[in-house]
Amino acid sequence: MTASYPALRLRRTRASAWSRALHRETVLTPADLIWPLFVTEGENVEEPVGSLPGVSRWSLDGIAARAREAVALGIPCLALFPNTPPGLRSEDGGEALNPDNLMCRAIKSIRDAVGGEIGVLTDVALDPYTSHGQDGLVDDAGYVVNDDTVAVLVDQALNQAAAGADIVAPSDMMDGRVRAIRMALEMAGHPNVQIMSYAAKYASAFYGPFRDAVGSRGLLKGDKKTYQMDPGNAEEALREVALDLAEGADSVMVKPGLPYLDIVAKVKQRFAVPVFAYQVSGEYAMIEAAAAAGAGERDALVLETLLAFKRAGCSGVLTYHAAHAARLLNA
């Protein structure tokens, strides 16, 4: 039998700050955060993203400075996303395979700045490089073809690994790409490069500001519903995760974040593997808008939402609030 009132008073352990800390079940630290950064061309460039207040695109020198900042704050990993110049975008996304592209140079600038003190996660998908804004190759009917796209994604992942990426993160949602990338990494002498698969990436309304940041919103023709998941599906997410783990993913991601915490919890409970979530641009923008409108206190909103990810089962969170949250946690 369990105790009942008054033998059991659950408020006893909440009565003081030290006791609340002692009994806290879920703890958030800077080591739980991955900081997404947007890279642009130029020197000494900081371009604020209008739909993401407080977020900017940085030239390579700025990316290096952010890497040094992240190390000082205790953030263990950066995620890079390039804003490819329009003249380098093409139907086939060929710039993704250029060993001197913006992504590869950003990796090298981080290595020059901080060496191996921080992890570098790179996005494997073609949307920052295509003139049509889709994540893969498109046929004459406008359909994103799977297997031909996978072949390009393999070469993209190898290009990033050769530049020094620690984690390649295929965000495209093509079938079979994790197995193909894992086999290619092994054969190319990159056995320790991790794969964090965007295993359950939904066709969400929360991605708009991100597309502004990488310059693809105005380019996108159609939508991404033929490869990103239907928001109504949960069991399908578990099938996607199972496939990616079987193909060689070291960790999996759920995207977006807060609207899909049920998926995070289901994945963690079913597979007991490292699960990450992406607190995407629309989620970040809503918190900033709420704080600006006086609907909530910004610091408290940031920390409470990030704690929710940990409580649901996340090993870590990709969040644009990473540096701010780390400062709060280190205070």
Protein backbone atom coordinates (compact mmCIF):
# COMPACT_ATOMS: atom_id res chain seq x y z
CA MET A 1 0.00 0.00 0.00
CA THR A 2 1.11 3.57 -0.61
CA ALA A 3 1.06 6.23 2.07
CA SER A 4 -1.74 8.76 2.17
CA TYR A 5 -2.30 12.19 3.70
CA PRO A 6 -1.20 13.26 6.28
CA ALA A 7 1.52 10.58 6.50
CA LEU A 8 2.51 11.69 3.04
CA ARG A 9 2.64 15.40 2.29
CA LEU A 10 4.22 15.94 -1.14
CA ARG A 11 4.70 19.63 -0.36
CA ARG A 12 7.30 18.76 2.30
CA THR A 13 10.03 18.33 -0.32
CA ARG A 14 9.01 21.55 -2.11
CA ALA A 15 9.20 23.76 0.95
CA SER A 16 12.74 25.10 0.38
CA ALA A 17 15.06 25.75 -2.55
CA TRP A 18 17.71 23.26 -1.39
CA SER A 19 15.13 20.52 -1.07
CA ARG A 20 13.63 21.24 -4.48
CA ALA A 21 17.12 20.99 -5.98
CA LEU A 22 17.80 17.73 -4.15
CA HIS A 23 14.60 16.09 -5.39
CA ARG A 24 14.64 17.46 -8.94
CA GLU A 25 14.11 14.59 -11.41
CA THR A 26 15.22 16.37 -14.58
CA VAL A 27 18.23 18.69 -14.82
CA LEU A 28 19.18 20.97 -17.71
CA THR A 29 22.81 21.98 -18.29
CA PRO A 30 24.70 23.71 -21.14
CA ALA A 31 26.00 20.26 -22.12
CA ASP A 32 22.45 19.41 -23.25
CA LEU A 33 22.45 22.10 -25.94
CA ILE A 34 23.40 22.21 -29.62
CA TRP A 35 23.62 25.71 -31.12
CA PRO A 36 22.42 26.08 -34.74
CA LEU A 37 24.32 28.78 -36.66
CA PHE A 38 23.72 30.29 -40.09
CA VAL A 39 26.74 30.93 -42.31
CA THR A 40 27.03 33.57 -45.03
CA GLU A 41 29.73 34.88 -47.34
CA GLY A 42 31.89 37.92 -46.66
CA GLU A 43 34.08 39.24 -43.89
CA ASN A 44 32.97 40.86 -40.63
CA VAL A 45 29.37 40.25 -41.72
CA GLU A 46 26.45 39.91 -39.33
CA GLU A 47 23.07 39.82 -41.06
CA PRO A 48 20.11 39.78 -38.64
CA VAL A 49 17.30 37.45 -39.69
CA GLY A 50 14.14 39.55 -39.55
CA SER A 51 11.78 36.69 -38.68
CA LEU A 52 14.19 35.37 -36.00
CA PRO A 53 14.81 38.24 -33.55
CA GLY A 54 18.29 37.92 -32.05
CA VAL A 55 19.52 35.42 -34.67
CA SER A 56 21.97 36.41 -37.42
CA ARG A 57 23.83 34.96 -40.35
CA TRP A 58 27.57 35.14 -39.72
CA SER A 59 30.55 35.25 -42.03
CA LEU A 60 33.35 32.79 -41.31
CA ASP A 61 35.12 35.06 -38.81
CA GLY A 62 31.85 35.42 -36.92
CA ILE A 63 31.32 31.66 -36.93
CA ALA A 64 34.79 31.24 -35.43
CA ALA A 65 33.92 33.77 -32.73
CA ARG A 66 30.68 31.93 -31.95
CA ALA A 67 32.68 28.70 -31.62
CA ARG A 68 34.97 30.28 -29.05
CA GLU A 69 31.90 31.64 -27.24
CA ALA A 70 30.25 28.22 -27.21
CA VAL A 71 33.36 26.58 -25.74
CA ALA A 72 33.48 29.19 -22.99
CA LEU A 73 29.79 28.58 -22.21
CA GLY A 74 30.11 24.79 -22.08
CA ILE A 75 28.01 24.14 -25.20
CA PRO A 76 29.38 20.90 -26.70
CA CYS A 77 28.26 21.12 -30.32
CA LEU A 78 27.44 23.56 -33.13
CA ALA A 79 25.07 22.85 -36.04
CA LEU A 80 25.86 24.65 -39.30
CA PHE A 81 23.47 25.80 -42.03
CA PRO A 82 24.72 27.75 -45.06
CA ASN A 83 23.05 30.65 -46.86
CA THR A 84 24.36 29.75 -50.32
CA PRO A 85 24.59 32.72 -52.72
CA PRO A 86 21.83 32.64 -55.38
CA GLY A 87 24.36 32.36 -58.21
CA LEU A 88 25.64 29.06 -56.79
CA ARG A 89 22.21 27.43 -56.48
CA SER A 90 21.19 25.06 -59.23
CA GLU A 91 18.61 22.47 -60.17
CA ASP A 92 20.89 19.65 -59.03
CA GLY A 93 22.36 21.38 -55.95
CA GLY A 94 25.87 20.73 -57.22
CA GLU A 95 27.45 23.30 -54.86
CA ALA A 96 26.81 20.84 -52.01
CA LEU A 97 29.66 18.73 -53.41
CA ASN A 98 32.18 21.56 -53.70
CA PRO A 99 34.99 20.92 -51.16
CA ASP A 100 35.44 24.70 -50.89
CA ASN A 101 31.77 25.52 -50.36
CA LEU A 102 30.52 27.70 -47.53
CA MET A 103 29.77 24.75 -45.24
CA CYS A 104 33.21 23.19 -45.65
CA ARG A 105 34.97 26.51 -45.08
CA ALA A 106 32.87 27.09 -41.96
CA ILE A 107 33.93 23.70 -40.56
CA LYS A 108 37.56 24.58 -41.16
CA SER A 109 37.19 28.02 -39.56
CA ILE A 110 35.83 26.36 -36.40
CA ARG A 111 38.69 23.88 -36.38
CA ASP A 112 41.20 26.72 -36.76
CA ALA A 113 39.55 28.64 -33.91
CA VAL A 114 39.01 25.93 -31.28
CA GLY A 115 40.45 22.71 -32.65
CA GLY A 116 38.59 19.68 -31.35
CA GLU A 117 37.13 21.40 -28.29
CA ILE A 118 33.66 21.42 -29.80
CA GLY A 119 31.67 19.11 -32.04
CA VAL A 120 30.51 20.19 -35.48
CA LEU A 121 27.21 18.88 -36.83
CA THR A 122 26.43 19.43 -40.50
CA ASP A 123 23.15 19.35 -42.35
CA VAL A 124 22.93 16.81 -45.17
CA ALA A 125 20.18 17.94 -47.55
CA LEU A 126 20.08 19.83 -50.82
CA ASP A 127 17.61 22.62 -50.05
CA PRO A 128 20.32 25.23 -49.26
CA TYR A 129 21.85 24.50 -52.67
CA THR A 130 18.92 23.96 -55.04
CA SER A 131 17.30 26.67 -57.12
CA HIS A 132 13.87 25.13 -56.45
CA GLY A 133 14.21 24.89 -52.64
CA GLN A 134 13.48 21.17 -52.40
CA ASP A 135 15.68 18.83 -50.35
CA GLY A 136 16.47 16.61 -53.33
CA LEU A 137 16.48 16.19 -57.08
CA VAL A 138 13.21 16.88 -58.87
CA ASP A 139 11.84 15.10 -61.95
CA ASP A 140 9.88 16.69 -64.79
CA ALA A 141 6.62 16.24 -62.87
CA GLY A 142 7.99 18.10 -59.84
CA TYR A 143 8.37 14.96 -57.72
CA VAL A 144 11.45 14.67 -55.50
CA VAL A 145 13.07 11.43 -56.61
CA ASN A 146 14.48 9.18 -53.90
CA ASP A 147 17.36 7.01 -55.06
CA ASP A 148 19.08 9.57 -57.29
CA THR A 149 18.87 12.05 -54.42
CA VAL A 150 20.43 9.52 -52.02
CA ALA A 151 23.44 9.17 -54.31
CA VAL A 152 24.05 12.94 -54.12
CA LEU A 153 23.50 13.00 -50.35
CA VAL A 154 26.20 10.34 -49.93
CA ASP A 155 28.69 12.53 -51.78
CA GLN A 156 27.58 15.56 -49.76
CA ALA A 157 28.12 13.70 -46.48
CA LEU A 158 31.57 12.53 -47.61
CA ASN A 159 32.46 16.10 -48.58
CA GLN A 160 31.52 17.35 -45.11
CA ALA A 161 33.32 14.50 -43.36
CA ALA A 162 36.49 15.22 -45.32
CA ALA A 163 36.25 18.86 -44.22
CA GLY A 164 36.15 17.79 -40.56
CA ALA A 165 32.49 17.30 -39.60
CA ASP A 166 32.00 15.20 -36.46
CA ILE A 167 28.31 14.46 -37.04
CA VAL A 168 26.50 14.39 -40.37
CA ALA A 169 22.78 14.89 -39.99
CA PRO A 170 20.67 13.88 -42.99
CA SER A 171 17.55 16.04 -42.80
CA ASP A 172 16.11 15.14 -46.19
CA MET A 173 13.83 12.21 -45.22
CA MET A 174 14.74 10.11 -48.27
CA ASP A 175 14.34 6.35 -47.79
CA GLY A 176 17.58 4.41 -47.40
CA ARG A 177 19.94 7.33 -47.08
CA VAL A 178 21.29 6.40 -43.62
CA ARG A 179 22.52 2.98 -44.78
CA ALA A 180 24.09 4.48 -47.90
CA ILE A 181 25.85 7.22 -45.95
CA ARG A 182 27.08 4.82 -43.25
CA MET A 183 28.55 2.43 -45.79
CA ALA A 184 30.23 5.27 -47.67
CA LEU A 185 31.73 6.73 -44.49
CA GLU A 186 33.18 3.35 -43.55
CA MET A 187 34.65 2.79 -46.98
CA ALA A 188 36.12 6.30 -47.13
CA GLY A 189 37.96 5.96 -43.81
CA HIS A 190 35.55 7.95 -41.65
CA PRO A 191 34.32 5.25 -39.22
CA ASN A 192 34.07 7.66 -36.27
CA VAL A 193 31.90 10.24 -38.00
CA GLN A 194 28.49 10.00 -36.35
CA ILE A 195 25.13 10.03 -38.09
CA MET A 196 22.35 11.89 -36.32
CA SER A 197 19.36 11.10 -38.46
CA TYR A 198 16.39 13.42 -38.77
CA ALA A 199 14.34 10.27 -38.39
CA ALA A 200 10.96 11.84 -37.65
CA LYS A 201 10.85 15.15 -39.49
CA TYR A 202 7.35 16.43 -40.01
CA ALA A 203 5.94 18.58 -42.82
CA SER A 204 5.42 21.41 -40.37
CA ALA A 205 4.18 24.99 -40.46
CA PHE A 206 6.93 25.96 -37.99
CA TYR A 207 9.85 26.12 -40.47
CA GLY A 208 9.20 29.51 -42.08
CA PRO A 209 11.88 31.62 -40.36
CA PHE A 210 14.53 28.95 -41.02
CA ARG A 211 13.80 29.16 -44.74
CA ASP A 212 14.29 32.91 -44.51
CA ALA A 213 17.65 32.36 -42.83
CA VAL A 214 19.00 30.00 -45.52
CA GLY A 215 17.36 31.92 -48.36
CA SER A 216 15.08 29.15 -49.61
CA ARG A 217 11.57 30.37 -48.69
CA GLY A 218 11.08 32.42 -51.84
CA LEU A 219 12.56 29.65 -53.98
CA LEU A 220 10.47 26.73 -52.76
CA LYS A 221 8.18 25.37 -55.44
CA GLY A 222 5.34 23.31 -54.01
CA ASP A 223 5.67 21.71 -50.60
CA LYS A 224 7.60 18.86 -48.96
CA LYS A 225 4.70 16.59 -48.03
CA THR A 226 5.80 13.71 -50.28
CA TYR A 227 8.87 13.10 -48.10
CA GLN A 228 8.41 14.85 -44.75
CA MET A 229 5.98 13.19 -42.37
CA ASP A 230 2.27 13.87 -41.94
CA PRO A 231 1.72 15.67 -38.59
CA GLY A 232 -1.11 13.27 -37.81
CA ASN A 233 1.12 10.19 -37.69
CA ALA A 234 2.89 8.77 -34.65
CA GLU A 235 3.28 5.03 -35.37
CA GLU A 236 4.89 5.90 -38.69
CA ALA A 237 7.51 7.90 -36.78
CA LEU A 238 8.45 4.76 -34.85
CA ARG A 239 8.84 2.85 -38.13
CA GLU A 240 11.08 5.61 -39.48
CA VAL A 241 13.24 5.53 -36.36
CA ALA A 242 13.51 1.73 -36.44
CA LEU A 243 14.67 1.81 -40.05
CA ASP A 244 17.30 4.50 -39.45
CA LEU A 245 18.70 2.72 -36.40
CA ALA A 246 18.91 -0.54 -38.34
CA GLU A 247 20.73 1.30 -41.14
CA GLY A 248 23.40 2.70 -38.82
CA ALA A 249 22.21 5.93 -37.20
CA ASP A 250 24.04 6.68 -33.94
CA SER A 251 21.25 8.96 -32.74
CA VAL A 252 17.89 10.12 -34.00
CA MET A 253 16.08 13.43 -34.08
CA VAL A 254 12.46 14.52 -33.84
CA LYS A 255 11.60 17.78 -35.59
CA PRO A 256 9.84 20.10 -34.70
CA GLY A 257 10.17 20.01 -30.94
CA LEU A 258 7.48 21.13 -28.51
CA PRO A 259 4.46 20.17 -30.66
CA TYR A 260 5.96 16.67 -30.95
CA LEU A 261 7.07 15.85 -27.40
CA ASP A 262 4.77 12.85 -27.50
CA ILE A 263 6.87 11.49 -30.37
CA VAL A 264 10.08 12.11 -28.40
CA ALA A 265 8.67 10.18 -25.45
CA LYS A 266 7.44 7.30 -27.64
CA VAL A 267 10.81 6.99 -29.38
CA LYS A 268 12.74 7.03 -26.11
CA GLN A 269 10.47 4.46 -24.50
CA ARG A 270 10.46 2.14 -27.51
CA PHE A 271 14.15 2.21 -28.47
CA ALA A 272 16.16 3.52 -25.46
CA VAL A 273 18.64 5.27 -27.78
CA PRO A 274 19.98 8.85 -27.84
CA VAL A 275 17.08 11.03 -28.99
CA PHE A 276 17.44 14.69 -29.90
CA ALA A 277 14.85 17.30 -30.77
CA TYR A 278 15.06 20.49 -32.77
CA GLN A 279 13.34 23.49 -31.23
CA VAL A 280 12.74 24.93 -34.66
CA SER A 281 12.66 28.51 -35.88
CA GLY A 282 8.90 28.97 -35.52
CA GLU A 283 9.04 27.80 -31.90
CA TYR A 284 11.88 30.20 -31.15
CA ALA A 285 10.06 33.06 -32.86
CA MET A 286 6.89 32.43 -30.83
CA ILE A 287 8.81 32.60 -27.54
CA GLU A 288 10.45 35.85 -28.63
CA ALA A 289 7.09 37.29 -29.73
CA ALA A 290 5.43 36.28 -26.47
CA ALA A 291 8.20 37.92 -24.46
CA ALA A 292 8.08 41.08 -26.57
CA ALA A 293 4.32 41.29 -26.08
CA GLY A 294 4.63 40.90 -22.31
CA ALA A 295 2.81 37.57 -22.40
CA GLY A 296 5.63 35.82 -20.53
CA GLU A 297 9.06 36.35 -19.03
CA ARG A 298 11.67 35.43 -21.63
CA ASP A 299 14.25 33.73 -19.43
CA ALA A 300 11.65 31.60 -17.70
CA LEU A 301 10.00 30.63 -21.01
CA VAL A 302 13.35 29.62 -22.51
CA LEU A 303 14.42 27.43 -19.60
CA GLU A 304 11.03 25.83 -19.02
CA THR A 305 10.61 24.80 -22.65
CA LEU A 306 14.13 23.37 -22.81
CA LEU A 307 13.56 21.46 -19.58
CA ALA A 308 10.43 19.97 -21.16
CA PHE A 309 12.56 18.38 -23.87
CA LYS A 310 14.79 16.74 -21.28
CA ARG A 311 11.81 15.53 -19.26
CA ALA A 312 10.29 13.95 -22.39
CA GLY A 313 13.46 11.93 -22.92
CA CYS A 314 15.83 14.03 -25.02
CA SER A 315 19.58 13.57 -24.73
CA GLY A 316 19.97 17.08 -26.13
CA VAL A 317 18.21 19.91 -27.92
CA LEU A 318 19.07 21.98 -30.98
CA THR A 319 17.96 25.48 -30.08
CA TYR A 320 18.65 29.04 -31.22
CA HIS A 321 18.41 29.96 -27.54
CA ALA A 322 21.48 27.82 -26.74
CA ALA A 323 23.91 30.64 -25.89
CA HIS A 324 21.32 32.61 -23.90
CA ALA A 325 20.18 29.50 -22.03
CA ALA A 326 23.78 28.53 -21.25
CA ARG A 327 24.45 31.97 -19.77
CA LEU A 328 21.39 31.62 -17.56
CA LEU A 329 22.39 28.13 -16.45
CA ASN A 330 25.97 29.22 -15.74
CA ALA A 331 24.92 32.24 -13.67
